[in-house]
Every structure is written in C-alpha cells, then in structure tokens.
Amino acid sequence: MLRIGIVGVGTVGQSVCNILEDNKDIITARAGIEIVPVAGVVNNLNKKRDVSIKLTNNPDDLINDDSIDIIVELMGGVEEPYKVVKKALEKGKAVVTANKALLAYHRYELQELAGDTAFEYEAAVAGGIPIINALRDGLSANHIESIKGIINGTCNYMLDKMINENIPYDVILKEAQELGYAEADPTFDVGGFDAAHKLLILASIAYGIDAKPEDILIEGIENITEEDIEFAKEFNYAIKLLGIAKMKGDKVELRVHSVLIPNSEMIAKVDGVMNGVSVVGDKVGETLFYGAGAGGDATASAVIANIIDIARKGKGSPMLGFHKPLEGKLTLASKDDIETKYYLRLLVADKSGVLAKVANILGDKGISIKTMLQKPCDKNTANLLLSTHTCNERDIKDALATLESSGVVLKTPAMIRIEE
C-alpha cells in the first residue's frame, strides 16, 4: 500500500481523494499497488470537506509520520509551500505538487534537494494536459525549437468572448469573475503572471534556463481594444495571450504577452477556457497538446498520474529533465533583443502628411510597414492601424517613443506583437 498525505485539501485536494476512491480498481491495476490517501492539512478544521481522511492544520504532522510515503502539496503560494516541500524532501519523502508559483521561483533549489527522491509536478502547467512528461520524456530526443502556449484559460475565455461576441473587456472580466474563472483580484491572470510562471517551468525542461519571472517580458490583455479586434479580423488573425519560448542560436527568448496569430495556426483554434501548447522539435516537427487547463478533476488527474508513476518506478525522472548540464549552455536573450513582427495602433490628426511623417520615423529606425488601415474616430482624428515586417524590440520601442514625443501621435501608441 502507498500512503498519501495531502497538504491543502481544497478543490483539487478533495478531487484527488475522490478519484483515488472512485477509480480505485483501475488505478491499482495500473500502479501495481493500492494508493490510499490517509491524511490532509487544512487551514480551517471547522470547514466541511468532501473527504473521509484524517485532517490536521499542521503540515509537520504529515511530514513526521513515517507511514506516509508521498506528500502532495496543493497549498498555493511560494515561501510557505517551499518550507513544507523542503522538509518533506529532507525526510526522504516523495513529493507531488501542482504549484507553478513555487516552481517558478524555487525549481532549481528543489531539484538539488530532491536528488534521486521522486519530485513530480505535471499538474503545475496546463492542468490535465501531460505537457511536462511530453517535454521531459516523450520529446527528449529533440532540440526544442519553440514552445507557444495558451496556458491561462481565463485570458483565453475573455479574448474569445471579446472577439467573437463583441463583449467589452470590463463586462467580460466581471462575467469571468462571476463564473469563477477569474479571482476577485484578477491581476495574476489578466496581467500574464500566471502564464509566465508556467512558461518558466517549461523553459527549464526544454532549455535548462534558470530564469525568474522578473527576468522575462510579461504583459497581459488589459489594453486590447475594439480597434485591435477589427484589425485582427480584417487580416485574418486571432488574438491570444501566449507564453512563448524560442531558441535562436545560443539564446532563448522567453516572453508572455498578447499576440496576433494567423487563424490558420493550430493553436489559434484553441478557444474558451481550454489550454493548448504547441511544441516544435527539430526531429519531430510540431506537436500540439490540447485540453482542460484547470478545474478540480482535470488537475487532480495529473496529480494522480504522477503518484502512479512514482508507484511504478520508485523514483522520479530527473526533475527538470537533465542528468547533467547542457554543454554550450543556452542563455536568456535580453528583452530588447526580441525579434518579431508588430502591430501598432496610433491615434493621429486626420490630415494630409501625417502618414508620411509616421512612415519616415519608422523608416529612420529601420522599420518597414507591411499593412495599414485608417479608421476615423471623429472629424479631426483617426486611428492608424499598422503592421510591420520583422524588426527588433529595441527599435520598435525607440520608434514609438519618437512618435509620441514628436507630436505626430496624439496619445501613447499601442503595440501588439505578431507571431507567424
């Protein structure tokens, strides 16, 4: 019998207990041993839980119980879970976690602590989609050329409604909160931070990159407007919040932001609260992983898959996928050295000569215009909606600053990157 202790018996923790009971026969057959949740940790012992296990409010009760084989950490947060997981690993207990924030900040310290002790975290990225094991094991013969992920269902749901049903941002945000997709304070989701934590985990497995959220470009969906949506429709783009990793020589770009992506791309078709991750390997080409990125049962499914894996092997795969460091180690590209195409929204005076001035300023920075729309705002002003050929992030930012200070543009320019 494999005995499980769960630190954090909330929605996912209760689902773990219930699935282990409901699907006991098939889980035992696949694992080769009976897996039994025996104890859990909660903050409020008076709150009713849909579980029959013993509950405590002290994680040490589980960590110091020698009969418990695996600690499942589902607390949320960063530093408190880190203390709990560290103690469990020091005790020699296997650990399974769904905590992407913990791993975004402490994955390399935890890898060092774990050593040969199993430490698994499939549920930390994209819920029930087995993207961790796909990258770490299934695609391990490949150099990973790129990863593009819709890894926050809240943003994907909101953008889908904004584009397809013309619902304003503020209205759809309120609806997402009422449906439980967004928190009362939605900043973590709509600001791109949740997706960034997940991207960093994937990048460590794919490239051995040790970066923190503060090191990478992170933007959200708060500034998407009706004009941006019109441009996307006109030129057959979808608007998505993507986590993007790209290997270019010995550098790796890591960034999270809204993008315009052609509707023909597979990942552009991932709608609603679903998640999707496109991975391009040098030998396998593009693979797409699609499914539920959140929810109690979907996340619990991934947690239990890790437990079964530990039951089968007795120890985990290398936590971040490498038994030894890469030779010729890849390094993180500067945010200013990103190269892509760009969409610009510029509010200008509706008069002759303005477009020529805009084109000259962009041209002085080596930026050429690919497409353009002009949308009148009133009798005196218009929005210029432009897309560029591939250029450098530093150059586009310099050009936008010059446009704003020159008086040609009447308010702060808006920019969305294009992925093709």
Protein backbone atom coordinates (compact mmCIF):
# COMPACT_ATOMS: atom_id res chain seq x y z
CA MET A 1 0.00 0.00 0.00
CA LEU A 2 1.21 3.52 -0.87
CA ARG A 3 0.03 6.05 1.68
CA ILE A 4 -0.60 9.66 0.62
CA GLY A 5 -0.67 12.86 2.68
CA ILE A 6 -2.25 15.94 1.09
CA VAL A 7 -1.17 19.43 2.19
CA GLY A 8 -4.05 21.65 1.07
CA VAL A 9 -7.39 19.84 0.87
CA GLY A 10 -9.27 22.38 -1.25
CA THR A 11 -10.97 21.80 -4.59
CA VAL A 12 -8.08 19.84 -6.13
CA GLY A 13 -7.19 18.02 -2.92
CA GLN A 14 -10.75 16.79 -2.49
CA SER A 15 -10.80 15.66 -6.13
CA VAL A 16 -7.59 13.69 -5.56
CA CYS A 17 -9.20 11.84 -2.66
CA ASN A 18 -12.42 11.18 -4.54
CA ILE A 19 -10.77 9.98 -7.77
CA LEU A 20 -8.50 7.62 -5.84
CA GLU A 21 -11.66 6.13 -4.31
CA ASP A 22 -13.90 6.21 -7.43
CA ASN A 23 -11.28 4.75 -9.78
CA LYS A 24 -9.54 2.59 -7.20
CA ASP A 25 -9.59 -0.63 -9.28
CA ILE A 26 -8.04 0.76 -12.45
CA ILE A 27 -5.54 2.93 -10.53
CA THR A 28 -4.38 -0.11 -8.51
CA ALA A 29 -4.09 -2.19 -11.68
CA ARG A 30 -2.02 0.46 -13.40
CA ALA A 31 0.16 1.33 -10.41
CA GLY A 32 0.65 -2.26 -9.25
CA ILE A 33 -0.10 -1.20 -5.67
CA GLU A 34 -3.06 0.24 -3.81
CA ILE A 35 -2.81 4.03 -3.38
CA VAL A 36 -4.62 5.38 -0.32
CA PRO A 37 -4.98 8.99 0.89
CA VAL A 38 -4.71 8.85 4.68
CA ALA A 39 -4.33 12.42 5.97
CA GLY A 40 -4.68 16.03 4.91
CA VAL A 41 -3.76 19.55 6.02
CA VAL A 42 -6.28 22.42 6.03
CA ASN A 43 -6.28 25.95 7.44
CA ASN A 44 -9.80 25.71 8.85
CA LEU A 45 -10.65 22.46 10.61
CA ASN A 46 -14.27 23.58 11.08
CA LYS A 47 -14.98 23.84 7.34
CA LYS A 48 -16.75 20.80 5.91
CA ARG A 49 -14.74 18.83 3.33
CA ASP A 50 -15.93 16.13 0.98
CA VAL A 51 -13.30 13.66 2.20
CA SER A 52 -13.06 10.90 4.81
CA ILE A 53 -9.35 11.25 5.61
CA LYS A 54 -7.93 12.48 8.90
CA LEU A 55 -7.39 16.27 8.89
CA THR A 56 -4.93 18.49 10.73
CA ASN A 57 -3.80 22.11 10.45
CA ASN A 58 -0.10 21.28 10.90
CA PRO A 59 1.93 20.07 7.88
CA ASP A 60 4.57 18.64 10.25
CA ASP A 61 2.04 16.03 11.36
CA LEU A 62 2.23 14.53 7.87
CA ILE A 63 5.91 15.13 7.24
CA ASN A 64 6.91 13.44 10.53
CA ASP A 65 4.55 10.50 10.02
CA ASP A 66 6.86 7.70 8.82
CA SER A 67 3.91 5.72 7.47
CA ILE A 68 3.17 8.39 4.81
CA ASP A 69 5.11 7.74 1.59
CA ILE A 70 4.20 10.70 -0.61
CA ILE A 71 3.40 14.31 0.23
CA VAL A 72 1.05 16.02 -2.25
CA GLU A 73 1.43 19.82 -1.95
CA LEU A 74 -1.64 21.80 -3.07
CA MET A 75 -1.36 24.87 -0.82
CA GLY A 76 -0.68 27.64 -3.32
CA GLY A 77 1.75 30.49 -2.64
CA VAL A 78 5.54 30.37 -2.70
CA GLU A 79 7.50 30.53 0.53
CA GLU A 80 5.28 28.51 2.88
CA PRO A 81 4.95 25.65 0.38
CA TYR A 82 8.70 25.79 -0.17
CA LYS A 83 9.29 25.20 3.54
CA VAL A 84 6.86 22.28 3.55
CA VAL A 85 8.28 20.65 0.44
CA LYS A 86 11.85 21.17 1.61
CA LYS A 87 11.10 19.42 4.92
CA ALA A 88 9.40 16.55 3.10
CA LEU A 89 12.34 16.02 0.75
CA GLU A 90 14.81 16.20 3.65
CA LYS A 91 12.76 13.42 5.26
CA GLY A 92 13.18 11.36 2.11
CA LYS A 93 9.51 11.53 1.15
CA ALA A 94 8.48 11.72 -2.49
CA VAL A 95 6.64 14.93 -3.41
CA VAL A 96 3.96 15.75 -5.96
CA THR A 97 2.91 19.39 -6.43
CA ALA A 98 0.58 21.44 -8.63
CA ASN A 99 2.17 24.72 -7.53
CA LYS A 100 3.52 26.68 -10.51
CA ALA A 101 4.48 29.74 -8.42
CA LEU A 102 6.62 27.59 -6.13
CA LEU A 103 8.43 26.13 -9.14
CA ALA A 104 8.80 29.48 -10.92
CA TYR A 105 10.94 30.69 -8.03
CA HIS A 106 12.45 27.55 -6.44
CA ARG A 107 12.62 24.77 -9.06
CA TYR A 108 16.41 24.56 -9.14
CA GLU A 109 16.79 24.54 -5.36
CA LEU A 110 14.15 21.81 -5.17
CA GLN A 111 15.87 19.77 -7.87
CA GLU A 112 19.06 19.91 -5.81
CA LEU A 113 17.21 18.91 -2.64
CA ALA A 114 15.32 16.08 -4.33
CA GLY A 115 18.32 14.29 -5.80
CA ASP A 116 17.06 10.76 -6.53
CA THR A 117 13.89 11.24 -4.50
CA ALA A 118 10.83 11.47 -6.72
CA PHE A 119 9.57 15.02 -7.25
CA GLU A 120 6.76 15.37 -9.79
CA TYR A 121 4.70 18.37 -10.91
CA GLU A 122 2.69 17.56 -14.03
CA ALA A 123 -0.36 19.50 -12.76
CA ALA A 124 1.64 22.73 -12.36
CA VAL A 125 1.32 23.55 -16.08
CA ALA A 126 -1.87 23.26 -18.16
CA GLY A 127 -3.87 21.23 -15.65
CA GLY A 128 -4.79 17.85 -17.11
CA ILE A 129 -2.61 18.16 -20.24
CA PRO A 130 0.51 15.93 -19.88
CA ILE A 131 2.88 18.56 -21.24
CA ILE A 132 5.59 18.11 -18.57
CA ASN A 133 6.13 14.42 -19.33
CA ALA A 134 5.80 15.08 -23.06
CA LEU A 135 8.67 17.59 -22.93
CA ARG A 136 10.77 15.74 -20.36
CA ASP A 137 10.35 12.23 -21.73
CA GLY A 138 8.37 11.93 -24.99
CA LEU A 139 10.32 14.64 -26.84
CA SER A 140 13.66 14.12 -25.10
CA ALA A 141 15.45 13.18 -28.35
CA ASN A 142 14.75 16.64 -29.80
CA HIS A 143 16.24 20.08 -29.59
CA ILE A 144 13.13 22.15 -28.83
CA GLU A 145 12.99 24.95 -31.36
CA SER A 146 9.95 26.69 -29.90
CA ILE A 147 7.06 26.49 -27.46
CA LYS A 148 3.88 28.53 -27.84
CA GLY A 149 1.33 28.03 -25.13
CA ILE A 150 -2.19 29.15 -24.30
CA ILE A 151 -1.68 28.32 -20.65
CA ASN A 152 -4.17 30.60 -18.92
CA GLY A 153 -7.79 29.66 -19.55
CA THR A 154 -9.17 32.86 -18.01
CA CYS A 155 -7.47 35.08 -20.60
CA ASN A 156 -8.36 32.73 -23.43
CA TYR A 157 -12.02 32.72 -22.39
CA MET A 158 -12.11 36.51 -22.16
CA LEU A 159 -10.41 37.12 -25.51
CA ASP A 160 -12.68 34.58 -27.19
CA LYS A 161 -15.77 36.43 -25.94
CA MET A 162 -14.34 39.86 -26.79
CA ILE A 163 -13.57 38.82 -30.37
CA ASN A 164 -16.48 36.53 -31.24
CA GLU A 165 -19.28 38.17 -29.26
CA ASN A 166 -18.05 41.80 -29.19
CA ILE A 167 -18.24 41.91 -25.38
CA PRO A 168 -16.17 44.78 -23.86
CA TYR A 169 -13.21 43.92 -21.62
CA ASP A 170 -14.77 45.24 -18.39
CA VAL A 171 -18.01 43.33 -18.98
CA ILE A 172 -16.36 40.01 -19.78
CA LEU A 173 -13.96 40.36 -16.83
CA LYS A 174 -16.94 40.71 -14.49
CA GLU A 175 -18.57 37.65 -16.09
CA ALA A 176 -15.35 35.63 -15.73
CA GLN A 177 -15.23 36.54 -12.04
CA GLU A 178 -18.87 35.51 -11.55
CA LEU A 179 -18.20 32.17 -13.25
CA GLY A 180 -15.16 31.56 -11.06
CA TYR A 181 -12.66 31.72 -13.93
CA ALA A 182 -11.09 34.94 -12.60
CA GLU A 183 -10.32 35.88 -8.99
CA ALA A 184 -11.73 38.92 -7.23
CA ASP A 185 -8.29 40.45 -7.89
CA PRO A 186 -7.69 39.22 -11.46
CA THR A 187 -4.25 40.78 -11.92
CA PHE A 188 -2.37 37.48 -11.70
CA ASP A 189 -4.34 36.05 -14.63
CA VAL A 190 -5.06 39.03 -16.91
CA GLY A 191 -1.61 40.54 -16.29
CA GLY A 192 0.14 37.45 -17.65
CA PHE A 193 1.90 36.40 -14.43
CA ASP A 194 0.20 33.00 -14.10
CA ALA A 195 1.21 32.12 -17.67
CA ALA A 196 4.75 33.37 -17.02
CA HIS A 197 5.22 31.00 -14.08
CA LYS A 198 4.18 28.08 -16.27
CA LEU A 199 6.37 29.16 -19.17
CA LEU A 200 9.44 29.28 -16.93
CA ILE A 201 8.85 25.68 -15.87
CA LEU A 202 8.56 24.53 -19.50
CA ALA A 203 11.66 26.51 -20.45
CA SER A 204 13.73 24.81 -17.76
CA ILE A 205 12.81 21.40 -19.15
CA ALA A 206 13.31 22.40 -22.78
CA TYR A 207 16.45 24.54 -22.45
CA GLY A 208 17.90 24.31 -18.94
CA ILE A 209 17.18 28.03 -18.45
CA ASP A 210 17.19 29.26 -14.85
CA ALA A 211 15.15 32.47 -15.05
CA LYS A 212 12.74 34.14 -12.64
CA PRO A 213 9.53 35.97 -13.60
CA GLU A 214 11.30 39.31 -13.14
CA ASP A 215 13.81 38.37 -15.85
CA ILE A 216 11.35 37.96 -18.73
CA LEU A 217 8.90 40.08 -20.70
CA ILE A 218 5.40 39.82 -19.18
CA GLU A 219 2.36 41.71 -20.46
CA GLY A 220 -1.37 40.99 -20.13
CA ILE A 221 -4.59 41.55 -22.04
CA GLU A 222 -5.86 44.67 -20.27
CA ASN A 223 -5.24 47.05 -23.18
CA ILE A 224 -6.89 45.13 -26.05
CA THR A 225 -9.44 47.42 -27.73
CA GLU A 226 -12.22 47.18 -30.28
CA GLU A 227 -9.88 48.68 -32.91
CA ASP A 228 -7.33 45.93 -32.31
CA ILE A 229 -10.03 43.30 -32.74
CA GLU A 230 -11.19 44.94 -36.01
CA PHE A 231 -7.63 44.84 -37.36
CA ALA A 232 -7.27 41.18 -36.37
CA LYS A 233 -10.48 40.26 -38.19
CA GLU A 234 -9.55 42.30 -41.27
CA PHE A 235 -6.23 40.49 -41.69
CA ASN A 236 -7.39 37.04 -40.54
CA TYR A 237 -5.64 36.95 -37.15
CA ALA A 238 -6.71 35.59 -33.78
CA ILE A 239 -5.69 37.42 -30.60
CA LYS A 240 -4.27 35.16 -27.90
CA LEU A 241 -2.25 35.51 -24.71
CA LEU A 242 0.73 33.26 -25.37
CA GLY A 243 3.69 32.07 -23.40
CA ILE A 244 6.48 31.91 -25.98
CA ALA A 245 9.91 30.28 -25.85
CA LYS A 246 12.19 30.32 -28.90
CA MET A 247 15.72 29.06 -29.33
CA LYS A 248 17.85 31.32 -31.56
CA GLY A 249 21.47 30.22 -31.70
CA ASP A 250 22.74 30.09 -28.12
CA LYS A 251 19.98 32.41 -26.86
CA VAL A 252 16.43 31.67 -25.75
CA GLU A 253 13.61 34.21 -25.95
CA LEU A 254 11.09 33.90 -23.10
CA ARG A 255 8.03 36.15 -23.15
CA VAL A 256 4.36 36.29 -22.24
CA HIS A 257 2.05 38.76 -23.97
CA SER A 258 -0.93 39.18 -26.26
CA VAL A 259 -0.21 38.24 -29.86
CA LEU A 260 -1.83 38.39 -33.25
CA ILE A 261 -1.54 34.90 -34.70
CA PRO A 262 -2.87 33.69 -38.08
CA ASN A 263 -6.19 31.87 -37.85
CA SER A 264 -4.60 29.05 -39.86
CA GLU A 265 -2.26 28.15 -36.97
CA MET A 266 -3.39 25.13 -34.94
CA ILE A 267 -3.06 26.96 -31.64
CA ALA A 268 -5.28 29.81 -32.89
CA LYS A 269 -8.19 27.37 -32.81
CA VAL A 270 -7.96 26.79 -29.04
CA ASP A 271 -10.97 28.67 -27.66
CA GLY A 272 -12.82 29.22 -24.39
CA VAL A 273 -11.21 28.13 -21.14
CA MET A 274 -9.21 25.39 -22.83
CA ASN A 275 -5.41 25.31 -22.92
CA GLY A 276 -3.15 24.38 -25.81
CA VAL A 277 0.62 24.08 -26.15
CA SER A 278 2.46 23.88 -29.48
CA VAL A 279 5.96 22.39 -29.29
CA VAL A 280 8.30 22.29 -32.29
CA GLY A 281 11.16 19.79 -32.09
CA ASP A 282 13.99 19.64 -34.60
CA LYS A 283 13.23 16.00 -35.42
CA VAL A 284 9.52 15.56 -34.70
CA GLY A 285 8.26 18.89 -36.08
CA GLU A 286 5.20 20.48 -34.49
CA THR A 287 3.09 18.69 -31.88
CA LEU A 288 0.02 20.23 -30.25
CA PHE A 289 -1.27 19.37 -26.78
CA TYR A 290 -4.85 20.37 -26.01
CA GLY A 291 -7.17 20.00 -23.05
CA ALA A 292 -8.54 21.35 -19.79
CA GLY A 293 -6.02 23.63 -18.14
CA ALA A 294 -7.72 23.93 -14.77
CA GLY A 295 -10.53 22.51 -12.64
CA GLY A 296 -10.52 20.12 -9.72
CA ASP A 297 -10.82 16.82 -11.58
CA ALA A 298 -8.54 17.73 -14.51
CA THR A 299 -5.77 18.94 -12.19
CA ALA A 300 -6.26 16.01 -9.82
CA SER A 301 -5.96 13.64 -12.80
CA ALA A 302 -2.45 14.96 -13.44
CA VAL A 303 -1.55 14.75 -9.74
CA ILE A 304 -2.63 11.10 -9.58
CA ALA A 305 -0.77 10.30 -12.81
CA ASN A 306 2.40 11.46 -11.03
CA ILE A 307 1.61 9.32 -8.00
CA ILE A 308 1.10 6.28 -10.24
CA ASP A 309 4.40 7.00 -11.96
CA ILE A 310 6.18 7.09 -8.61
CA ALA A 311 4.47 3.83 -7.60
CA ARG A 312 5.76 2.16 -10.76
CA LYS A 313 9.33 3.44 -10.68
CA GLY A 314 10.04 4.02 -7.01
CA LYS A 315 11.75 7.25 -8.00
CA GLY A 316 11.10 10.02 -10.49
CA SER A 317 12.67 11.04 -13.76
CA PRO A 318 15.28 13.81 -13.48
CA MET A 319 13.12 16.60 -12.13
CA LEU A 320 13.89 19.13 -14.87
CA GLY A 321 14.83 16.56 -17.48
CA PHE A 322 18.65 16.70 -17.38
CA HIS A 323 21.00 14.24 -15.67
CA LYS A 324 23.87 16.63 -16.40
CA PRO A 325 24.05 20.24 -17.62
CA LEU A 326 23.93 21.00 -21.33
CA GLU A 327 27.28 21.59 -22.99
CA GLY A 328 27.44 25.06 -24.55
CA LYS A 329 24.74 26.21 -22.18
CA LEU A 330 21.89 28.30 -23.57
CA THR A 331 21.34 31.72 -22.05
CA LEU A 332 18.34 34.02 -21.77
CA ALA A 333 18.01 36.62 -24.53
CA SER A 334 17.59 40.24 -23.50
CA LYS A 335 14.04 41.57 -23.65
CA ASP A 336 15.28 44.29 -26.02
CA ASP A 337 16.75 41.75 -28.46
CA ILE A 338 13.42 40.05 -29.22
CA GLU A 339 12.73 39.95 -32.95
CA THR A 340 9.21 39.62 -34.34
CA LYS A 341 6.59 41.49 -36.36
CA TYR A 342 4.47 44.18 -34.72
CA TYR A 343 1.02 45.71 -34.91
CA LEU A 344 0.77 49.40 -33.96
CA ARG A 345 -2.30 51.48 -33.08
CA LEU A 346 -1.63 55.22 -33.44
CA LEU A 347 -4.15 58.00 -32.77
CA VAL A 348 -3.28 60.83 -35.18
CA ALA A 349 -4.73 64.03 -36.64
CA ASP A 350 -6.80 63.21 -39.71
CA LYS A 351 -4.93 65.43 -42.17
CA SER A 352 -2.52 65.14 -45.06
CA GLY A 353 1.16 64.47 -44.39
CA VAL A 354 0.66 62.53 -41.15
CA LEU A 355 1.13 59.08 -42.66
CA ALA A 356 4.33 60.24 -44.39
CA LYS A 357 5.72 61.50 -41.08
CA VAL A 358 4.86 58.21 -39.36
CA ALA A 359 6.49 56.22 -42.16
CA ASN A 360 9.62 58.41 -42.02
CA ILE A 361 10.03 57.98 -38.25
CA LEU A 362 9.61 54.21 -38.53
CA GLY A 363 11.95 54.12 -41.54
CA ASP A 364 14.65 56.00 -39.62
CA LYS A 365 14.66 53.08 -37.14
CA GLY A 366 14.86 50.50 -39.94
CA ILE A 367 11.18 49.52 -39.59
CA SER A 368 9.10 48.96 -42.72
CA ILE A 369 5.30 48.95 -42.87
CA LYS A 370 3.63 45.77 -44.14
CA THR A 371 -0.11 46.61 -43.92
CA MET A 372 -2.20 49.62 -42.87
CA LEU A 373 -5.78 50.53 -42.05
CA GLN A 374 -7.10 54.01 -41.23
CA LYS A 375 -10.18 54.17 -39.01
CA PRO A 376 -11.76 57.63 -38.45
CA CYS A 377 -12.52 58.40 -34.79
CA ASP A 378 -14.22 61.79 -35.33
CA LYS A 379 -13.93 64.54 -37.94
CA ASN A 380 -10.47 65.53 -36.71
CA THR A 381 -8.74 62.31 -35.67
CA ALA A 382 -8.18 58.76 -36.87
CA ASN A 383 -6.55 55.54 -35.71
CA LEU A 384 -3.71 54.33 -37.92
CA LEU A 385 -3.52 50.55 -37.59
CA LEU A 386 -0.19 49.30 -38.94
CA SER A 387 1.70 46.03 -39.09
CA THR A 388 5.46 45.85 -39.65
CA HIS A 389 7.90 43.42 -41.14
CA THR A 390 10.22 41.65 -38.67
CA CYS A 391 12.22 44.06 -36.56
CA ASN A 392 13.88 44.41 -33.18
CA GLU A 393 12.10 45.14 -29.88
CA ARG A 394 14.56 47.89 -29.02
CA ASP A 395 13.98 49.60 -32.39
CA ILE A 396 10.19 49.45 -32.15
CA LYS A 397 10.24 50.91 -28.65
CA ASP A 398 12.57 53.72 -29.77
CA ALA A 399 10.29 54.44 -32.73
CA LEU A 400 7.17 54.56 -30.55
CA ALA A 401 8.89 56.93 -28.11
CA THR A 402 9.91 59.18 -31.01
CA LEU A 403 6.38 59.15 -32.43
CA GLU A 404 4.91 60.11 -29.07
CA SER A 405 7.37 62.93 -28.41
CA SER A 406 7.19 64.31 -31.97
CA GLY A 407 3.54 65.35 -31.64
CA VAL A 408 2.55 63.24 -34.65
CA VAL A 409 0.73 60.80 -32.34
CA LEU A 410 -1.92 62.29 -30.05
CA LYS A 411 -1.81 59.67 -27.26
CA THR A 412 0.51 56.89 -26.14
CA PRO A 413 0.85 54.40 -29.01
CA ALA A 414 -0.35 50.82 -28.53
CA MET A 415 1.58 47.78 -29.76
CA ILE A 416 0.84 44.05 -30.07
CA ARG A 417 3.42 41.55 -31.29
CA ILE A 418 2.63 39.29 -34.25
CA GLU A 419 3.60 35.60 -34.30
CA GLU A 420 3.69 33.96 -37.73
